[in-house]
Amino acid sequence: MLKERVEEVIDKIRPVLQADGGNIELVDIVDGIVKVRLKGACAGCAGAQMTLKMGVEKALKEEIPEVKSVESVQ
């Protein structure tokens, strides 16, 4: 199932975010768009959007072709 596959990839990324005092939570997946919530230091970080697109989205798209994009939600 798509949700489990997305969670597996997020679990691989999570230690990198935690090392910087942040975290990530999967909120929902709608039509290939993965909605996540950045937490801790990542929530207010100036580089959060870059982390989201260049890190999280890239990793998800590489492993799961069905993923179209990743968006941050509050």
PDB file of N, CA and C in Angstrom:
ATOM      1  N   MET A   1       0.845  -1.186   0.000  1.00  0.00           N
ATOM      2  CA  MET A   1       0.000   0.000   0.000  1.00  0.00           C
ATOM      3  C   MET A   1       0.893   1.253   0.000  1.00  0.00           C
ATOM      4  N   LEU A   2       0.440   2.284  -0.651  1.00  0.00           N
ATOM      5  CA  LEU A   2       1.227   3.496  -0.840  1.00  0.00           C
ATOM      6  C   LEU A   2       1.634   4.143   0.478  1.00  0.00           C
ATOM      7  N   LYS A   3       0.716   4.220   1.420  1.00  0.00           N
ATOM      8  CA  LYS A   3       1.017   4.887   2.692  1.00  0.00           C
ATOM      9  C   LYS A   3       2.184   4.212   3.406  1.00  0.00           C
ATOM     10  N   GLU A   4       2.193   2.888   3.444  1.00  0.00           N
ATOM     11  CA  GLU A   4       3.280   2.168   4.102  1.00  0.00           C
ATOM     12  C   GLU A   4       4.611   2.412   3.405  1.00  0.00           C
ATOM     13  N   ARG A   5       4.599   2.443   2.082  1.00  0.00           N
ATOM     14  CA  ARG A   5       5.831   2.682   1.328  1.00  0.00           C
ATOM     15  C   ARG A   5       6.370   4.092   1.590  1.00  0.00           C
ATOM     16  N   VAL A   6       5.461   5.058   1.657  1.00  0.00           N
ATOM     17  CA  VAL A   6       5.867   6.439   1.949  1.00  0.00           C
ATOM     18  C   VAL A   6       6.448   6.516   3.362  1.00  0.00           C
ATOM     19  N   GLU A   7       5.799   5.870   4.324  1.00  0.00           N
ATOM     20  CA  GLU A   7       6.293   5.856   5.711  1.00  0.00           C
ATOM     21  C   GLU A   7       7.698   5.252   5.792  1.00  0.00           C
ATOM     22  N   GLU A   8       7.954   4.191   5.020  1.00  0.00           N
ATOM     23  CA  GLU A   8       9.272   3.554   5.029  1.00  0.00           C
ATOM     24  C   GLU A   8      10.350   4.531   4.567  1.00  0.00           C
ATOM     25  N   VAL A   9      10.073   5.287   3.514  1.00  0.00           N
ATOM     26  CA  VAL A   9      11.047   6.255   3.013  1.00  0.00           C
ATOM     27  C   VAL A   9      11.225   7.390   4.023  1.00  0.00           C
ATOM     28  N   ILE A  10      10.135   7.869   4.585  1.00  0.00           N
ATOM     29  CA  ILE A  10      10.216   8.935   5.590  1.00  0.00           C
ATOM     30  C   ILE A  10      11.038   8.458   6.790  1.00  0.00           C
ATOM     31  N   ASP A  11      10.878   7.198   7.175  1.00  0.00           N
ATOM     32  CA  ASP A  11      11.648   6.659   8.299  1.00  0.00           C
ATOM     33  C   ASP A  11      13.147   6.668   8.011  1.00  0.00           C
ATOM     34  N   LYS A  12      13.522   6.540   6.739  1.00  0.00           N
ATOM     35  CA  LYS A  12      14.944   6.598   6.355  1.00  0.00           C
ATOM     36  C   LYS A  12      15.477   8.034   6.461  1.00  0.00           C
ATOM     37  N   ILE A  13      14.619   9.008   6.189  1.00  0.00           N
ATOM     38  CA  ILE A  13      15.002  10.424   6.193  1.00  0.00           C
ATOM     39  C   ILE A  13      14.988  10.999   7.608  1.00  0.00           C
ATOM     40  N   ARG A  14      14.099  10.505   8.427  1.00  0.00           N
ATOM     41  CA  ARG A  14      13.855  11.050   9.769  1.00  0.00           C
ATOM     42  C   ARG A  14      15.132  11.266  10.601  1.00  0.00           C
ATOM     43  N   PRO A  15      16.091  10.318  10.647  1.00  0.00           N
ATOM     44  CA  PRO A  15      17.284  10.548  11.477  1.00  0.00           C
ATOM     45  C   PRO A  15      18.078  11.800  11.078  1.00  0.00           C
ATOM     46  N   VAL A  16      18.089  12.143   9.809  1.00  0.00           N
ATOM     47  CA  VAL A  16      18.792  13.340   9.353  1.00  0.00           C
ATOM     48  C   VAL A  16      18.112  14.586   9.916  1.00  0.00           C
ATOM     49  N   LEU A  17      16.790  14.616   9.869  1.00  0.00           N
ATOM     50  CA  LEU A  17      16.043  15.748  10.414  1.00  0.00           C
ATOM     51  C   LEU A  17      16.190  15.824  11.936  1.00  0.00           C
ATOM     52  N   GLN A  18      16.159  14.672  12.587  1.00  0.00           N
ATOM     53  CA  GLN A  18      16.283  14.644  14.041  1.00  0.00           C
ATOM     54  C   GLN A  18      17.661  15.113  14.490  1.00  0.00           C
ATOM     55  N   ALA A  19      18.676  14.864  13.693  1.00  0.00           N
ATOM     56  CA  ALA A  19      20.030  15.308  14.025  1.00  0.00           C
ATOM     57  C   ALA A  19      20.114  16.828  14.084  1.00  0.00           C
ATOM     58  N   ASP A  20      19.216  17.508  13.349  1.00  0.00           N
ATOM     59  CA  ASP A  20      19.174  18.973  13.353  1.00  0.00           C
ATOM     60  C   ASP A  20      18.078  19.513  14.281  1.00  0.00           C
ATOM     61  N   GLY A  21      17.507  18.639  15.105  1.00  0.00           N
ATOM     62  CA  GLY A  21      16.493  19.077  16.061  1.00  0.00           C
ATOM     63  C   GLY A  21      15.082  19.128  15.508  1.00  0.00           C
ATOM     64  N   GLY A  22      14.849  18.493  14.372  1.00  0.00           N
ATOM     65  CA  GLY A  22      13.523  18.506  13.761  1.00  0.00           C
ATOM     66  C   GLY A  22      12.938  17.119  13.634  1.00  0.00           C
ATOM     67  N   ASN A  23      11.822  17.062  12.934  1.00  0.00           N
ATOM     68  CA  ASN A  23      11.171  15.781  12.671  1.00  0.00           C
ATOM     69  C   ASN A  23      10.160  15.989  11.559  1.00  0.00           C
ATOM     70  N   ILE A  24       9.575  14.900  11.092  1.00  0.00           N
ATOM     71  CA  ILE A  24       8.596  14.954  10.005  1.00  0.00           C
ATOM     72  C   ILE A  24       7.482  13.963  10.300  1.00  0.00           C
ATOM     73  N   GLU A  25       6.267  14.348   9.961  1.00  0.00           N
ATOM     74  CA  GLU A  25       5.095  13.502  10.188  1.00  0.00           C
ATOM     75  C   GLU A  25       4.293  13.427   8.895  1.00  0.00           C
ATOM     76  N   LEU A  26       3.920  12.221   8.492  1.00  0.00           N
ATOM     77  CA  LEU A  26       3.051  12.045   7.336  1.00  0.00           C
ATOM     78  C   LEU A  26       1.627  12.381   7.759  1.00  0.00           C
ATOM     79  N   VAL A  27       0.996  13.314   7.030  1.00  0.00           N
ATOM     80  CA  VAL A  27      -0.362  13.736   7.351  1.00  0.00           C
ATOM     81  C   VAL A  27      -1.362  13.030   6.452  1.00  0.00           C
ATOM     82  N   ASP A  28      -1.104  13.027   5.136  1.00  0.00           N
ATOM     83  CA  ASP A  28      -2.059  12.464   4.186  1.00  0.00           C
ATOM     84  C   ASP A  28      -1.387  12.270   2.833  1.00  0.00           C
ATOM     85  N   ILE A  29      -2.014  11.508   1.981  1.00  0.00           N
ATOM     86  CA  ILE A  29      -1.599  11.358   0.584  1.00  0.00           C
ATOM     87  C   ILE A  29      -2.854  11.498  -0.257  1.00  0.00           C
ATOM     88  N   VAL A  30      -2.867  12.495  -1.153  1.00  0.00           N
ATOM     89  CA  VAL A  30      -4.030  12.751  -1.993  1.00  0.00           C
ATOM     90  C   VAL A  30      -3.568  12.852  -3.446  1.00  0.00           C
ATOM     91  N   ASP A  31      -4.035  11.932  -4.287  1.00  0.00           N
ATOM     92  CA  ASP A  31      -3.705  11.936  -5.711  1.00  0.00           C
ATOM     93  C   ASP A  31      -2.209  12.062  -5.974  1.00  0.00           C
ATOM     94  N   GLY A  32      -1.405  11.323  -5.225  1.00  0.00           N
ATOM     95  CA  GLY A  32       0.039  11.326  -5.438  1.00  0.00           C
ATOM     96  C   GLY A  32       0.771  12.486  -4.779  1.00  0.00           C
ATOM     97  N   ILE A  33       0.038  13.354  -4.097  1.00  0.00           N
ATOM     98  CA  ILE A  33       0.657  14.469  -3.387  1.00  0.00           C
ATOM     99  C   ILE A  33       0.761  14.091  -1.909  1.00  0.00           C
ATOM    100  N   VAL A  34       2.002  14.018  -1.438  1.00  0.00           N
ATOM    101  CA  VAL A  34       2.264  13.625  -0.060  1.00  0.00           C
ATOM    102  C   VAL A  34       2.254  14.883   0.807  1.00  0.00           C
ATOM    103  N   LYS A  35       1.414  14.867   1.824  1.00  0.00           N
ATOM    104  CA  LYS A  35       1.303  16.020   2.731  1.00  0.00           C
ATOM    105  C   LYS A  35       1.982  15.657   4.044  1.00  0.00           C
ATOM    106  N   VAL A  36       2.967  16.476   4.428  1.00  0.00           N
ATOM    107  CA  VAL A  36       3.725  16.221   5.641  1.00  0.00           C
ATOM    108  C   VAL A  36       3.718  17.449   6.541  1.00  0.00           C
ATOM    109  N   ARG A  37       4.029  17.222   7.795  1.00  0.00           N
ATOM    110  CA  ARG A  37       4.169  18.317   8.758  1.00  0.00           C
ATOM    111  C   ARG A  37       5.601  18.269   9.291  1.00  0.00           C
ATOM    112  N   LEU A  38       6.318  19.371   9.113  1.00  0.00           N
ATOM    113  CA  LEU A  38       7.654  19.474   9.676  1.00  0.00           C
ATOM    114  C   LEU A  38       7.517  19.945  11.111  1.00  0.00           C
ATOM    115  N   LYS A  39       8.312  19.355  12.001  1.00  0.00           N
ATOM    116  CA  LYS A  39       8.199  19.660  13.427  1.00  0.00           C
ATOM    117  C   LYS A  39       9.538  20.085  14.001  1.00  0.00           C
ATOM    118  N   GLY A  40       9.491  20.620  15.209  1.00  0.00           N
ATOM    119  CA  GLY A  40      10.700  21.018  15.913  1.00  0.00           C
ATOM    120  C   GLY A  40      11.432  22.123  15.174  1.00  0.00           C
ATOM    121  N   ALA A  41      12.746  22.018  15.120  1.00  0.00           N
ATOM    122  CA  ALA A  41      13.567  23.042  14.472  1.00  0.00           C
ATOM    123  C   ALA A  41      13.218  23.178  12.992  1.00  0.00           C
ATOM    124  N   CYS A  42      12.763  22.114  12.365  1.00  0.00           N
ATOM    125  CA  CYS A  42      12.421  22.147  10.937  1.00  0.00           C
ATOM    126  C   CYS A  42      11.194  23.014  10.659  1.00  0.00           C
ATOM    127  N   ALA A  43      10.306  23.132  11.621  1.00  0.00           N
ATOM    128  CA  ALA A  43       9.057  23.864  11.413  1.00  0.00           C
ATOM    129  C   ALA A  43       9.298  25.331  11.094  1.00  0.00           C
ATOM    130  N   GLY A  44      10.268  25.958  11.734  1.00  0.00           N
ATOM    131  CA  GLY A  44      10.502  27.377  11.502  1.00  0.00           C
ATOM    132  C   GLY A  44      11.792  27.663  10.762  1.00  0.00           C
ATOM    133  N   CYS A  45      12.441  26.633  10.301  1.00  0.00           N
ATOM    134  CA  CYS A  45      13.743  26.774   9.650  1.00  0.00           C
ATOM    135  C   CYS A  45      13.614  27.468   8.294  1.00  0.00           C
ATOM    136  N   ALA A  46      14.532  28.367   8.022  1.00  0.00           N
ATOM    137  CA  ALA A  46      14.524  29.082   6.744  1.00  0.00           C
ATOM    138  C   ALA A  46      14.752  28.130   5.569  1.00  0.00           C
ATOM    139  N   GLY A  47      15.438  27.043   5.804  1.00  0.00           N
ATOM    140  CA  GLY A  47      15.715  26.079   4.746  1.00  0.00           C
ATOM    141  C   GLY A  47      14.696  24.954   4.662  1.00  0.00           C
ATOM    142  N   ALA A  48      13.577  25.090   5.359  1.00  0.00           N
ATOM    143  CA  ALA A  48      12.588  24.007   5.406  1.00  0.00           C
ATOM    144  C   ALA A  48      12.049  23.653   4.028  1.00  0.00           C
ATOM    145  N   GLN A  49      11.782  24.661   3.194  1.00  0.00           N
ATOM    146  CA  GLN A  49      11.237  24.383   1.864  1.00  0.00           C
ATOM    147  C   GLN A  49      12.249  23.626   1.010  1.00  0.00           C
ATOM    148  N   MET A  50      13.525  23.995   1.142  1.00  0.00           N
ATOM    149  CA  MET A  50      14.566  23.287   0.397  1.00  0.00           C
ATOM    150  C   MET A  50      14.689  21.851   0.901  1.00  0.00           C
ATOM    151  N   THR A  51      14.640  21.671   2.210  1.00  0.00           N
ATOM    152  CA  THR A  51      14.682  20.328   2.795  1.00  0.00           C
ATOM    153  C   THR A  51      13.530  19.496   2.255  1.00  0.00           C
ATOM    154  N   LEU A  52      12.365  20.111   2.181  1.00  0.00           N
ATOM    155  CA  LEU A  52      11.172  19.422   1.723  1.00  0.00           C
ATOM    156  C   LEU A  52      11.307  18.982   0.268  1.00  0.00           C
ATOM    157  N   LYS A  53      11.709  19.894  -0.601  1.00  0.00           N
ATOM    158  CA  LYS A  53      11.771  19.600  -2.037  1.00  0.00           C
ATOM    159  C   LYS A  53      13.016  18.799  -2.428  1.00  0.00           C
ATOM    160  N   MET A  54      14.180  19.239  -1.967  1.00  0.00           N
ATOM    161  CA  MET A  54      15.426  18.607  -2.386  1.00  0.00           C
ATOM    162  C   MET A  54      15.743  17.332  -1.599  1.00  0.00           C
ATOM    163  N   GLY A  55      15.198  17.217  -0.411  1.00  0.00           N
ATOM    164  CA  GLY A  55      15.457  16.038   0.409  1.00  0.00           C
ATOM    165  C   GLY A  55      14.305  15.049   0.394  1.00  0.00           C
ATOM    166  N   VAL A  56      13.202  15.443   1.005  1.00  0.00           N
ATOM    167  CA  VAL A  56      12.068  14.544   1.187  1.00  0.00           C
ATOM    168  C   VAL A  56      11.430  14.177  -0.157  1.00  0.00           C
ATOM    169  N   GLU A  57      11.082  15.190  -0.956  1.00  0.00           N
ATOM    170  CA  GLU A  57      10.418  14.917  -2.231  1.00  0.00           C
ATOM    171  C   GLU A  57      11.313  14.096  -3.161  1.00  0.00           C
ATOM    172  N   LYS A  58      12.575  14.440  -3.240  1.00  0.00           N
ATOM    173  CA  LYS A  58      13.504  13.717  -4.113  1.00  0.00           C
ATOM    174  C   LYS A  58      13.594  12.249  -3.705  1.00  0.00           C
ATOM    175  N   ALA A  59      13.747  11.993  -2.410  1.00  0.00           N
ATOM    176  CA  ALA A  59      13.858  10.617  -1.921  1.00  0.00           C
ATOM    177  C   ALA A  59      12.583   9.824  -2.201  1.00  0.00           C
ATOM    178  N   LEU A  60      11.431  10.455  -1.972  1.00  0.00           N
ATOM    179  CA  LEU A  60      10.163   9.758  -2.205  1.00  0.00           C
ATOM    180  C   LEU A  60       9.965   9.449  -3.686  1.00  0.00           C
ATOM    181  N   LYS A  61      10.254  10.415  -4.548  1.00  0.00           N
ATOM    182  CA  LYS A  61      10.065  10.198  -5.987  1.00  0.00           C
ATOM    183  C   LYS A  61      11.007   9.123  -6.529  1.00  0.00           C
ATOM    184  N   GLU A  62      12.215   9.070  -5.993  1.00  0.00           N
ATOM    185  CA  GLU A  62      13.173   8.055  -6.448  1.00  0.00           C
ATOM    186  C   GLU A  62      12.694   6.646  -6.130  1.00  0.00           C
ATOM    187  N   GLU A  63      12.090   6.479  -4.963  1.00  0.00           N
ATOM    188  CA  GLU A  63      11.685   5.141  -4.530  1.00  0.00           C
ATOM    189  C   GLU A  63      10.241   4.798  -4.856  1.00  0.00           C
ATOM    190  N   ILE A  64       9.402   5.829  -5.041  1.00  0.00           N
ATOM    191  CA  ILE A  64       7.971   5.596  -5.274  1.00  0.00           C
ATOM    192  C   ILE A  64       7.513   6.473  -6.441  1.00  0.00           C
ATOM    193  N   PRO A  65       7.488   5.925  -7.651  1.00  0.00           N
ATOM    194  CA  PRO A  65       7.133   6.715  -8.839  1.00  0.00           C
ATOM    195  C   PRO A  65       5.745   7.350  -8.787  1.00  0.00           C
ATOM    196  N   GLU A  66       4.831   6.801  -7.979  1.00  0.00           N
ATOM    197  CA  GLU A  66       3.483   7.350  -7.888  1.00  0.00           C
ATOM    198  C   GLU A  66       3.434   8.717  -7.204  1.00  0.00           C
ATOM    199  N   VAL A  67       4.493   9.055  -6.458  1.00  0.00           N
ATOM    200  CA  VAL A  67       4.532  10.338  -5.756  1.00  0.00           C
ATOM    201  C   VAL A  67       4.778  11.451  -6.767  1.00  0.00           C
ATOM    202  N   LYS A  68       3.857  12.431  -6.790  1.00  0.00           N
ATOM    203  CA  LYS A  68       3.969  13.566  -7.707  1.00  0.00           C
ATOM    204  C   LYS A  68       4.708  14.726  -7.066  1.00  0.00           C
ATOM    205  N   SER A  69       4.398  15.002  -5.791  1.00  0.00           N
ATOM    206  CA  SER A  69       5.058  16.094  -5.081  1.00  0.00           C
ATOM    207  C   SER A  69       4.844  15.919  -3.583  1.00  0.00           C
ATOM    208  N   VAL A  70       5.559  16.782  -2.834  1.00  0.00           N
ATOM    209  CA  VAL A  70       5.428  16.789  -1.378  1.00  0.00           C
ATOM    210  C   VAL A  70       5.089  18.213  -0.958  1.00  0.00           C
ATOM    211  N   GLU A  71       4.109  18.334  -0.078  1.00  0.00           N
ATOM    212  CA  GLU A  71       3.697  19.649   0.415  1.00  0.00           C
ATOM    213  C   GLU A  71       3.720  19.641   1.937  1.00  0.00           C
ATOM    214  N   SER A  72       4.069  20.793   2.498  1.00  0.00           N
ATOM    215  CA  SER A  72       4.050  20.953   3.943  1.00  0.00           C
ATOM    216  C   SER A  72       2.699  21.541   4.356  1.00  0.00           C
ATOM    217  N   VAL A  73       2.129  20.965   5.398  1.00  0.00           N
ATOM    218  CA  VAL A  73       0.861  21.473   5.944  1.00  0.00           C
ATOM    219  C   VAL A  73       1.066  21.794   7.415  1.00  0.00           C
ATOM    220  N   GLN A  74       0.198  22.644   7.943  1.00  0.00           N
ATOM    221  CA  GLN A  74       0.303  23.035   9.352  1.00  0.00           C
ATOM    222  C   GLN A  74      -0.472  22.102  10.229  1.00  0.00           C
TER     223      GLN A  74
END
